[in-house]
Amino acid sequence: MKKIFWMLLGAGLAVFVITRGRALVRRLTPQGIAEQVERRGNEAAAGFGDFYATFKTASQAREAELRRELDIV
């Protein structure tokens, strides 16, 4: 019973290591690195888009507030 347990544990560990190893090797290939760069670029672009939208909304609100205070049409 002990031998079967250790054999199954070793087989499971081997499958785990092989699966993780393939994923690691995939990430370190030029195509994998390109995918990571593309994903991070898209995240940065989305973040900048959110920043710009917030900035534009706030600046328009402030401009409207100043126009009301100074009676500028």
N, C-alpha and C. Protein backbone atom coordinates (compact mmCIF):
# COMPACT_ATOMS: atom_id res chain seq x y z
N MET A 1 0.83 -1.19 0.00
CA MET A 1 0.00 0.00 0.00
C MET A 1 0.88 1.25 0.00
N LYS A 2 1.97 1.21 0.77
CA LYS A 2 2.87 2.35 0.84
C LYS A 2 3.52 2.61 -0.51
N LYS A 3 3.90 1.54 -1.19
CA LYS A 3 4.58 1.69 -2.47
C LYS A 3 3.64 2.29 -3.51
N ILE A 4 2.39 1.87 -3.50
CA ILE A 4 1.41 2.41 -4.45
C ILE A 4 1.19 3.89 -4.19
N PHE A 5 1.10 4.26 -2.91
CA PHE A 5 0.93 5.66 -2.55
C PHE A 5 2.07 6.50 -3.10
N TRP A 6 3.30 6.08 -2.86
CA TRP A 6 4.46 6.85 -3.31
C TRP A 6 4.57 6.87 -4.83
N MET A 7 4.17 5.78 -5.47
CA MET A 7 4.19 5.74 -6.92
C MET A 7 3.17 6.72 -7.50
N LEU A 8 1.97 6.74 -6.93
CA LEU A 8 0.94 7.67 -7.40
C LEU A 8 1.32 9.12 -7.10
N LEU A 9 1.93 9.32 -5.95
CA LEU A 9 2.38 10.67 -5.61
C LEU A 9 3.45 11.13 -6.59
N GLY A 10 4.38 10.27 -6.91
CA GLY A 10 5.42 10.61 -7.88
C GLY A 10 4.86 10.87 -9.27
N ALA A 11 3.90 10.07 -9.69
CA ALA A 11 3.28 10.26 -11.00
C ALA A 11 2.52 11.59 -11.04
N GLY A 12 1.80 11.88 -9.99
CA GLY A 12 1.07 13.15 -9.92
C GLY A 12 2.01 14.34 -9.92
N LEU A 13 3.10 14.21 -9.18
CA LEU A 13 4.09 15.28 -9.13
C LEU A 13 4.75 15.46 -10.50
N ALA A 14 5.02 14.37 -11.19
CA ALA A 14 5.62 14.45 -12.53
C ALA A 14 4.68 15.17 -13.49
N VAL A 15 3.40 14.85 -13.44
CA VAL A 15 2.43 15.52 -14.31
C VAL A 15 2.38 17.01 -14.00
N PHE A 16 2.38 17.34 -12.72
CA PHE A 16 2.35 18.74 -12.30
C PHE A 16 3.58 19.49 -12.81
N VAL A 17 4.75 18.90 -12.62
CA VAL A 17 6.00 19.55 -13.03
C VAL A 17 6.05 19.72 -14.55
N ILE A 18 5.63 18.71 -15.27
CA ILE A 18 5.65 18.79 -16.74
C ILE A 18 4.69 19.88 -17.22
N THR A 19 3.51 19.94 -16.62
CA THR A 19 2.52 20.95 -17.02
C THR A 19 3.05 22.35 -16.74
N ARG A 20 3.57 22.55 -15.55
CA ARG A 20 4.12 23.87 -15.19
C ARG A 20 5.34 24.20 -16.03
N GLY A 21 6.16 23.22 -16.30
CA GLY A 21 7.35 23.43 -17.12
C GLY A 21 7.00 23.86 -18.53
N ARG A 22 5.99 23.23 -19.11
CA ARG A 22 5.56 23.62 -20.46
C ARG A 22 5.05 25.05 -20.47
N ALA A 23 4.29 25.42 -19.45
CA ALA A 23 3.77 26.79 -19.38
C ALA A 23 4.92 27.79 -19.24
N LEU A 24 5.92 27.44 -18.44
CA LEU A 24 7.07 28.32 -18.25
C LEU A 24 7.86 28.46 -19.55
N VAL A 25 8.10 27.34 -20.22
CA VAL A 25 8.83 27.38 -21.48
C VAL A 25 8.06 28.20 -22.50
N ARG A 26 6.75 28.05 -22.52
CA ARG A 26 5.91 28.81 -23.46
C ARG A 26 6.03 30.31 -23.20
N ARG A 27 6.04 30.69 -21.93
CA ARG A 27 6.15 32.12 -21.60
C ARG A 27 7.50 32.69 -21.99
N LEU A 28 8.54 31.86 -22.00
CA LEU A 28 9.89 32.36 -22.28
C LEU A 28 10.27 32.31 -23.75
N THR A 29 9.39 31.82 -24.60
CA THR A 29 9.66 31.83 -26.04
C THR A 29 9.40 33.24 -26.57
N PRO A 30 9.96 33.58 -27.72
CA PRO A 30 9.71 34.91 -28.27
C PRO A 30 8.22 35.22 -28.45
N GLN A 31 7.45 34.23 -28.88
CA GLN A 31 6.01 34.45 -29.05
C GLN A 31 5.34 34.69 -27.69
N GLY A 32 5.76 33.95 -26.67
CA GLY A 32 5.19 34.14 -25.34
C GLY A 32 5.52 35.51 -24.78
N ILE A 33 6.75 35.95 -24.98
CA ILE A 33 7.15 37.28 -24.51
C ILE A 33 6.37 38.35 -25.26
N ALA A 34 6.19 38.15 -26.57
CA ALA A 34 5.41 39.11 -27.36
C ALA A 34 3.97 39.20 -26.84
N GLU A 35 3.40 38.07 -26.47
CA GLU A 35 2.04 38.07 -25.93
C GLU A 35 1.97 38.83 -24.61
N GLN A 36 2.99 38.64 -23.76
CA GLN A 36 3.02 39.35 -22.48
C GLN A 36 3.13 40.86 -22.70
N VAL A 37 4.01 41.26 -23.64
CA VAL A 37 4.18 42.68 -23.93
C VAL A 37 2.88 43.27 -24.48
N GLU A 38 2.24 42.53 -25.37
CA GLU A 38 0.97 42.99 -25.95
C GLU A 38 -0.10 43.15 -24.87
N ARG A 39 -0.19 42.17 -23.97
CA ARG A 39 -1.19 42.23 -22.91
C ARG A 39 -0.95 43.43 -21.99
N ARG A 40 0.32 43.63 -21.62
CA ARG A 40 0.62 44.77 -20.74
C ARG A 40 0.40 46.10 -21.44
N GLY A 41 0.70 46.14 -22.74
CA GLY A 41 0.44 47.36 -23.51
C GLY A 41 -1.04 47.67 -23.57
N ASN A 42 -1.85 46.65 -23.77
CA ASN A 42 -3.30 46.84 -23.79
C ASN A 42 -3.81 47.32 -22.44
N GLU A 43 -3.26 46.77 -21.36
CA GLU A 43 -3.66 47.20 -20.02
C GLU A 43 -3.28 48.66 -19.79
N ALA A 44 -2.07 49.04 -20.23
CA ALA A 44 -1.62 50.42 -20.07
C ALA A 44 -2.50 51.37 -20.90
N ALA A 45 -2.83 50.96 -22.12
CA ALA A 45 -3.68 51.80 -22.97
C ALA A 45 -5.07 51.96 -22.36
N ALA A 46 -5.60 50.89 -21.80
CA ALA A 46 -6.91 50.98 -21.15
C ALA A 46 -6.85 51.90 -19.94
N GLY A 47 -5.78 51.80 -19.17
CA GLY A 47 -5.61 52.67 -18.01
C GLY A 47 -5.49 54.13 -18.42
N PHE A 48 -4.75 54.39 -19.50
CA PHE A 48 -4.62 55.76 -19.98
C PHE A 48 -5.96 56.28 -20.49
N GLY A 49 -6.72 55.42 -21.16
CA GLY A 49 -8.04 55.83 -21.63
C GLY A 49 -8.96 56.21 -20.48
N ASP A 50 -8.92 55.43 -19.41
CA ASP A 50 -9.72 55.75 -18.22
C ASP A 50 -9.28 57.07 -17.61
N PHE A 51 -7.95 57.27 -17.52
CA PHE A 51 -7.42 58.52 -16.97
C PHE A 51 -7.88 59.70 -17.81
N TYR A 52 -7.77 59.57 -19.12
CA TYR A 52 -8.14 60.68 -20.01
C TYR A 52 -9.63 61.00 -19.90
N ALA A 53 -10.47 59.97 -19.83
CA ALA A 53 -11.91 60.20 -19.72
C ALA A 53 -12.24 60.91 -18.41
N THR A 54 -11.62 60.49 -17.32
CA THR A 54 -11.84 61.13 -16.02
C THR A 54 -11.36 62.57 -16.04
N PHE A 55 -10.17 62.78 -16.61
CA PHE A 55 -9.61 64.13 -16.69
C PHE A 55 -10.51 65.05 -17.51
N LYS A 56 -10.97 64.56 -18.65
CA LYS A 56 -11.81 65.38 -19.52
C LYS A 56 -13.12 65.74 -18.83
N THR A 57 -13.74 64.78 -18.18
CA THR A 57 -15.00 65.03 -17.47
C THR A 57 -14.79 66.06 -16.36
N ALA A 58 -13.72 65.90 -15.59
CA ALA A 58 -13.45 66.83 -14.49
C ALA A 58 -13.14 68.23 -15.02
N SER A 59 -12.37 68.32 -16.10
CA SER A 59 -12.03 69.64 -16.63
C SER A 59 -13.26 70.33 -17.21
N GLN A 60 -14.15 69.59 -17.84
CA GLN A 60 -15.39 70.18 -18.36
C GLN A 60 -16.28 70.66 -17.22
N ALA A 61 -16.34 69.88 -16.16
CA ALA A 61 -17.15 70.28 -15.00
C ALA A 61 -16.58 71.55 -14.37
N ARG A 62 -15.26 71.61 -14.25
CA ARG A 62 -14.62 72.79 -13.66
C ARG A 62 -14.81 74.01 -14.55
N GLU A 63 -14.71 73.82 -15.85
CA GLU A 63 -14.92 74.93 -16.79
C GLU A 63 -16.35 75.46 -16.67
N ALA A 64 -17.32 74.57 -16.59
CA ALA A 64 -18.71 74.99 -16.44
C ALA A 64 -18.90 75.74 -15.13
N GLU A 65 -18.26 75.27 -14.08
CA GLU A 65 -18.36 75.94 -12.77
C GLU A 65 -17.77 77.34 -12.85
N LEU A 66 -16.61 77.49 -13.46
CA LEU A 66 -15.99 78.81 -13.58
C LEU A 66 -16.82 79.74 -14.46
N ARG A 67 -17.40 79.21 -15.52
CA ARG A 67 -18.24 80.03 -16.39
C ARG A 67 -19.47 80.55 -15.62
N ARG A 68 -20.06 79.69 -14.79
CA ARG A 68 -21.21 80.13 -13.98
C ARG A 68 -20.78 81.21 -12.99
N GLU A 69 -19.64 81.01 -12.32
CA GLU A 69 -19.19 81.98 -11.32
C GLU A 69 -18.83 83.32 -11.94
N LEU A 70 -18.27 83.30 -13.15
CA LEU A 70 -17.84 84.54 -13.79
C LEU A 70 -18.87 85.10 -14.77
N ASP A 71 -20.03 84.47 -14.84
CA ASP A 71 -21.12 84.88 -15.74
C ASP A 71 -20.65 84.98 -17.19
N ILE A 72 -19.89 83.99 -17.62
CA ILE A 72 -19.43 83.92 -19.01
C ILE A 72 -20.32 82.91 -19.73
N VAL A 73 -20.83 83.32 -20.87
CA VAL A 73 -21.72 82.42 -21.61
C VAL A 73 -20.97 81.56 -22.55
